[in-house]
Amino acid sequence: MANAPAAAQALEVLSLLARHTEPLPAGSIAREVGLPRSSTYHLLAVLREHGFVTHLPEERRYGLGVAAYELGSAYQRQAPLQRIARPLLQRLVDDTTHNAHLAVLHGRDVLYVIEERAPGRPLLVTDVGVRLPATLTASGLAMLAALPPAQVRALFPHKDFLVQREGHGPTSVSQLRRELTAVRQRGYAVEDGSVSEGLSSVARAVLDHTGHPVAGVAVTYPTDGVDEAELARIVAAVSRVAGALSRRLGARQ
């Protein structure tokens, strides 16, 4: 980006606005991006002119504009994440002989976008298009653990936003925080019977170039049919695929 500093600065501003759940004042944008205020106002004016930024005069803040939404919609239509991930998940199934899936975070839920089934393995409820509470799934816990704590607090401000299912799932925000800390320390997320009785899953988050979790890669296996050595092999395989997908999305690792 050294030969296109203005383009780099515009992308930094858009990335900054995308990371925040609320519009930002120009001063905050200038400070976080490291630009003079005059340059920031000029850059915001250009982005407003092209529809990528909108100005909220009553609040004196700036947020993403319609053009940014259109880019996101085009990204979804082209489904590049699924295109990149599918062959990797197929290889993951071959390596582990268990079902594998890819999910994305959608608010407090996960949305399953790929399921690769292994021959002879049971059908799962985590089919493409299914949504489940993120705190009950390995994929969801892996992605939540990779989010900034402030964003997790915004998603789950108190226990009424948590979902339990047949005795599974955190019952308090502090319990959720402890679980996410354990995920970060362990390096991967685990769920045992929270989604389907008798089945467990392990998952790793897929990160983009900003370090944001864009997806979770998981493998589901029979709880009683996998010993400690095989579980270690499954975790290693999931980690390889999540790492490879992150690198393809530009993550620094």
Protein backbone atom coordinates (compact mmCIF):
# COMPACT_ATOMS: atom_id res chain seq x y z
CA MET A 1 0.00 0.00 0.00
CA ALA A 2 3.04 2.30 0.06
CA ASN A 3 2.28 3.46 -3.49
CA ALA A 4 -1.38 4.22 -2.67
CA PRO A 5 -1.50 5.91 0.75
CA ALA A 6 -4.95 7.43 0.22
CA ALA A 7 -6.40 4.03 -0.66
CA ALA A 8 -4.77 2.50 2.41
CA GLN A 9 -6.19 5.25 4.65
CA ALA A 10 -9.68 4.86 3.18
CA LEU A 11 -9.58 1.12 3.81
CA GLU A 12 -8.38 1.70 7.38
CA VAL A 13 -11.33 4.02 8.02
CA LEU A 14 -13.83 1.55 6.57
CA SER A 15 -12.30 -1.32 8.55
CA LEU A 16 -12.46 0.76 11.72
CA LEU A 17 -16.15 1.59 11.21
CA ALA A 18 -16.88 -2.06 10.44
CA ARG A 19 -15.33 -3.19 13.73
CA HIS A 20 -17.59 -0.94 15.83
CA THR A 21 -21.25 -1.55 16.51
CA GLU A 22 -22.00 2.20 16.70
CA PRO A 23 -21.04 5.17 14.47
CA LEU A 24 -17.95 7.12 15.57
CA PRO A 25 -17.08 10.82 15.90
CA ALA A 26 -14.54 12.14 13.42
CA GLY A 27 -12.09 12.81 16.27
CA SER A 28 -12.15 9.16 17.34
CA ILE A 29 -11.63 8.05 13.75
CA ALA A 30 -8.67 10.40 13.33
CA ARG A 31 -7.10 9.23 16.59
CA GLU A 32 -7.51 5.49 15.93
CA VAL A 33 -6.35 5.68 12.31
CA GLY A 34 -3.52 8.09 13.17
CA LEU A 35 -4.46 10.89 10.77
CA PRO A 36 -4.72 14.67 11.24
CA ARG A 37 -8.29 15.85 11.69
CA SER A 38 -8.19 17.86 8.46
CA SER A 39 -7.13 14.78 6.47
CA THR A 40 -9.76 12.68 8.22
CA TYR A 41 -12.56 15.10 7.34
CA HIS A 42 -11.39 15.20 3.73
CA LEU A 43 -11.27 11.40 3.55
CA LEU A 44 -14.72 11.07 5.14
CA ALA A 45 -16.12 13.57 2.64
CA VAL A 46 -14.82 11.51 -0.29
CA LEU A 47 -16.20 8.30 1.22
CA ARG A 48 -19.56 10.01 1.83
CA GLU A 49 -19.66 11.22 -1.79
CA HIS A 50 -19.32 7.61 -2.99
CA GLY A 51 -21.81 6.22 -0.47
CA PHE A 52 -19.38 4.22 1.65
CA VAL A 53 -19.83 6.44 4.71
CA THR A 54 -22.90 8.18 6.07
CA HIS A 55 -22.90 11.25 8.33
CA LEU A 56 -25.30 11.55 11.26
CA PRO A 57 -25.34 15.33 11.84
CA GLU A 58 -27.48 15.22 15.02
CA GLU A 59 -24.98 12.87 16.65
CA ARG A 60 -21.89 14.28 14.90
CA ARG A 61 -20.85 10.75 14.05
CA TYR A 62 -19.99 8.70 10.98
CA GLY A 63 -21.08 5.17 10.10
CA LEU A 64 -20.94 2.81 7.15
CA GLY A 65 -23.02 3.80 4.13
CA VAL A 66 -25.20 1.95 1.66
CA ALA A 67 -22.31 1.27 -0.74
CA ALA A 68 -20.51 -0.65 2.02
CA TYR A 69 -23.66 -2.71 2.55
CA GLU A 70 -23.85 -3.40 -1.18
CA LEU A 71 -20.27 -4.65 -1.14
CA GLY A 72 -21.12 -6.96 1.73
CA SER A 73 -24.18 -8.24 -0.11
CA ALA A 74 -22.11 -8.88 -3.22
CA TYR A 75 -19.61 -10.78 -1.10
CA GLN A 76 -22.42 -12.96 0.23
CA ARG A 77 -23.75 -13.61 -3.28
CA GLN A 78 -20.36 -14.72 -4.52
CA ALA A 79 -19.87 -16.88 -1.39
CA PRO A 80 -16.06 -16.78 -1.58
CA LEU A 81 -15.68 -18.10 1.96
CA GLN A 82 -17.62 -21.25 1.08
CA ARG A 83 -15.70 -21.65 -2.18
CA ILE A 84 -12.36 -21.42 -0.40
CA ALA A 85 -13.40 -23.56 2.57
CA ARG A 86 -15.21 -26.46 0.88
CA PRO A 87 -12.15 -28.35 -0.46
CA LEU A 88 -10.42 -27.88 2.89
CA LEU A 89 -13.41 -29.32 4.74
CA GLN A 90 -13.59 -32.23 2.32
CA ARG A 91 -9.97 -32.98 3.13
CA LEU A 92 -10.78 -32.63 6.85
CA VAL A 93 -13.47 -35.31 6.53
CA ASP A 94 -11.03 -37.59 4.72
CA ASP A 95 -8.39 -37.07 7.42
CA THR A 96 -10.69 -37.57 10.42
CA THR A 97 -13.46 -39.84 8.97
CA HIS A 98 -15.97 -37.67 10.86
CA ASN A 99 -18.49 -35.02 9.81
CA ALA A 100 -17.14 -31.50 9.44
CA HIS A 101 -18.88 -28.15 9.11
CA LEU A 102 -18.30 -24.44 8.74
CA ALA A 103 -20.38 -21.87 10.59
CA VAL A 104 -20.46 -18.07 10.75
CA LEU A 105 -21.50 -15.87 13.66
CA HIS A 106 -24.86 -14.17 13.16
CA GLY A 107 -25.61 -12.05 16.20
CA ARG A 108 -25.88 -14.44 19.16
CA ASP A 109 -26.36 -17.43 16.87
CA VAL A 110 -24.22 -19.44 14.51
CA LEU A 111 -25.39 -20.09 10.97
CA TYR A 112 -24.10 -23.24 9.30
CA VAL A 113 -22.95 -22.61 5.73
CA ILE A 114 -21.15 -25.89 4.89
CA GLU A 115 -21.62 -29.45 6.08
CA GLU A 116 -19.41 -32.21 4.76
CA ARG A 117 -20.65 -35.66 5.76
CA ALA A 118 -18.40 -38.65 6.27
CA PRO A 119 -19.59 -42.04 4.96
CA GLY A 120 -21.38 -44.07 7.60
CA ARG A 121 -21.58 -41.23 10.13
CA PRO A 122 -24.93 -40.09 11.58
CA LEU A 123 -26.84 -37.17 10.09
CA LEU A 124 -26.49 -34.00 12.12
CA VAL A 125 -28.90 -31.18 12.96
CA THR A 126 -26.18 -28.74 11.86
CA ASP A 127 -27.24 -28.80 8.22
CA VAL A 128 -26.67 -25.85 5.90
CA GLY A 129 -28.97 -22.94 6.83
CA VAL A 130 -29.57 -24.11 10.41
CA ARG A 131 -29.12 -21.55 13.18
CA LEU A 132 -28.22 -22.47 16.76
CA PRO A 133 -27.31 -20.44 19.86
CA ALA A 134 -23.59 -19.69 19.66
CA THR A 135 -22.98 -20.50 23.33
CA LEU A 136 -24.17 -24.10 22.82
CA THR A 137 -21.90 -24.93 19.90
CA ALA A 138 -18.16 -25.48 19.60
CA SER A 139 -18.03 -23.25 16.51
CA GLY A 140 -19.84 -20.47 18.33
CA LEU A 141 -17.64 -20.66 21.42
CA ALA A 142 -14.51 -20.64 19.25
CA MET A 143 -15.64 -17.47 17.47
CA LEU A 144 -16.85 -15.74 20.65
CA ALA A 145 -13.51 -16.45 22.32
CA ALA A 146 -11.76 -14.65 19.45
CA LEU A 147 -13.92 -11.51 19.76
CA PRO A 148 -12.87 -8.50 21.84
CA PRO A 149 -14.34 -8.76 25.38
CA ALA A 150 -16.34 -5.55 24.85
CA GLN A 151 -18.11 -7.09 21.87
CA VAL A 152 -18.94 -10.23 23.85
CA ARG A 153 -20.37 -8.02 26.62
CA ALA A 154 -22.48 -6.18 24.05
CA LEU A 155 -23.87 -9.48 22.74
CA PHE A 156 -24.53 -10.91 26.22
CA PRO A 157 -25.06 -7.99 28.62
CA HIS A 158 -26.85 -10.20 31.17
CA LYS A 159 -28.01 -13.77 31.68
CA ASP A 160 -31.40 -13.26 29.99
CA PHE A 161 -29.56 -13.32 26.66
CA LEU A 162 -28.14 -16.80 27.32
CA VAL A 163 -29.88 -19.96 26.12
CA GLN A 164 -29.91 -23.31 27.91
CA ARG A 165 -30.85 -26.58 26.31
CA GLU A 166 -31.57 -29.66 28.41
CA GLY A 167 -29.11 -28.60 31.08
CA HIS A 168 -26.41 -27.47 28.66
CA GLY A 169 -25.08 -23.96 28.19
CA PRO A 170 -23.78 -21.23 30.52
CA THR A 171 -26.30 -19.94 33.04
CA SER A 172 -24.54 -16.65 33.79
CA VAL A 173 -22.36 -14.13 32.01
CA SER A 174 -19.48 -14.89 34.36
CA GLN A 175 -19.75 -18.59 33.50
CA LEU A 176 -19.65 -17.71 29.81
CA ARG A 177 -16.54 -15.57 30.39
CA ARG A 178 -14.84 -18.47 32.17
CA GLU A 179 -15.70 -20.82 29.31
CA LEU A 180 -14.30 -18.40 26.72
CA THR A 181 -11.13 -17.99 28.79
CA ALA A 182 -10.76 -21.78 28.82
CA VAL A 183 -11.20 -21.85 25.03
CA ARG A 184 -8.43 -19.28 24.57
CA GLN A 185 -6.10 -21.14 26.93
CA ARG A 186 -6.85 -24.51 25.33
CA GLY A 187 -6.63 -23.15 21.80
CA TYR A 188 -9.89 -24.72 20.64
CA ALA A 189 -13.53 -25.02 21.73
CA VAL A 190 -15.38 -28.15 22.83
CA GLU A 191 -19.02 -29.03 23.24
CA ASP A 192 -20.27 -32.33 24.63
CA GLY A 193 -23.89 -33.22 23.95
CA SER A 194 -25.13 -29.62 23.87
CA VAL A 195 -26.43 -29.93 20.30
CA SER A 196 -27.09 -33.67 19.94
CA GLU A 197 -27.01 -36.28 22.69
CA GLY A 198 -24.12 -38.69 22.32
CA LEU A 199 -22.17 -36.41 19.97
CA SER A 200 -19.34 -34.00 20.73
CA SER A 201 -17.54 -31.38 18.64
CA VAL A 202 -14.26 -29.50 18.60
CA ALA A 203 -13.78 -26.23 16.71
CA ARG A 204 -11.29 -23.51 15.88
CA ALA A 205 -12.01 -19.97 14.73
CA VAL A 206 -11.08 -18.75 11.25
CA LEU A 207 -9.61 -15.24 11.35
CA ASP A 208 -9.45 -12.56 8.68
CA HIS A 209 -6.62 -10.07 8.09
CA THR A 210 -7.79 -7.92 11.03
CA GLY A 211 -7.87 -10.86 13.44
CA HIS A 212 -11.68 -10.89 13.44
CA PRO A 213 -13.33 -14.35 13.59
CA VAL A 214 -15.22 -14.80 10.32
CA ALA A 215 -16.09 -18.48 10.74
CA GLY A 216 -15.63 -21.59 12.82
CA VAL A 217 -14.39 -24.96 11.56
CA ALA A 218 -15.64 -27.96 13.53
CA VAL A 219 -15.64 -31.74 13.51
CA THR A 220 -18.40 -33.73 15.23
CA TYR A 221 -17.78 -37.26 16.51
CA PRO A 222 -19.47 -39.89 18.74
CA THR A 223 -18.60 -39.02 22.33
CA ASP A 224 -18.00 -42.63 23.37
CA GLY A 225 -16.29 -43.66 20.12
CA VAL A 226 -13.19 -41.48 20.28
CA ASP A 227 -10.27 -42.06 22.63
CA GLU A 228 -7.79 -39.45 23.80
CA ALA A 229 -5.27 -40.15 21.05
CA GLU A 230 -7.85 -39.89 18.27
CA LEU A 231 -9.26 -36.71 19.80
CA ALA A 232 -5.79 -35.18 19.67
CA ARG A 233 -5.57 -36.09 15.98
CA ILE A 234 -8.99 -34.52 15.32
CA VAL A 235 -7.99 -31.30 17.12
CA ALA A 236 -4.76 -31.15 15.11
CA ALA A 237 -6.64 -31.64 11.83
CA VAL A 238 -9.22 -28.97 12.70
CA SER A 239 -6.40 -26.60 13.66
CA ARG A 240 -4.62 -27.17 10.34
CA VAL A 241 -7.74 -26.43 8.32
CA ALA A 242 -8.68 -23.34 10.37
CA GLY A 243 -5.11 -22.07 10.03
CA ALA A 244 -4.98 -22.72 6.29
CA LEU A 245 -8.32 -20.97 5.75
CA SER A 246 -7.23 -18.02 7.89
CA ARG A 247 -4.05 -17.65 5.85
CA ARG A 248 -6.04 -17.69 2.63
CA LEU A 249 -8.14 -14.85 4.02
CA GLY A 250 -5.01 -12.85 4.77
CA ALA A 251 -4.64 -13.47 8.50
CA ARG A 252 -1.21 -12.85 9.99
CA GLN A 253 -0.13 -15.98 11.84
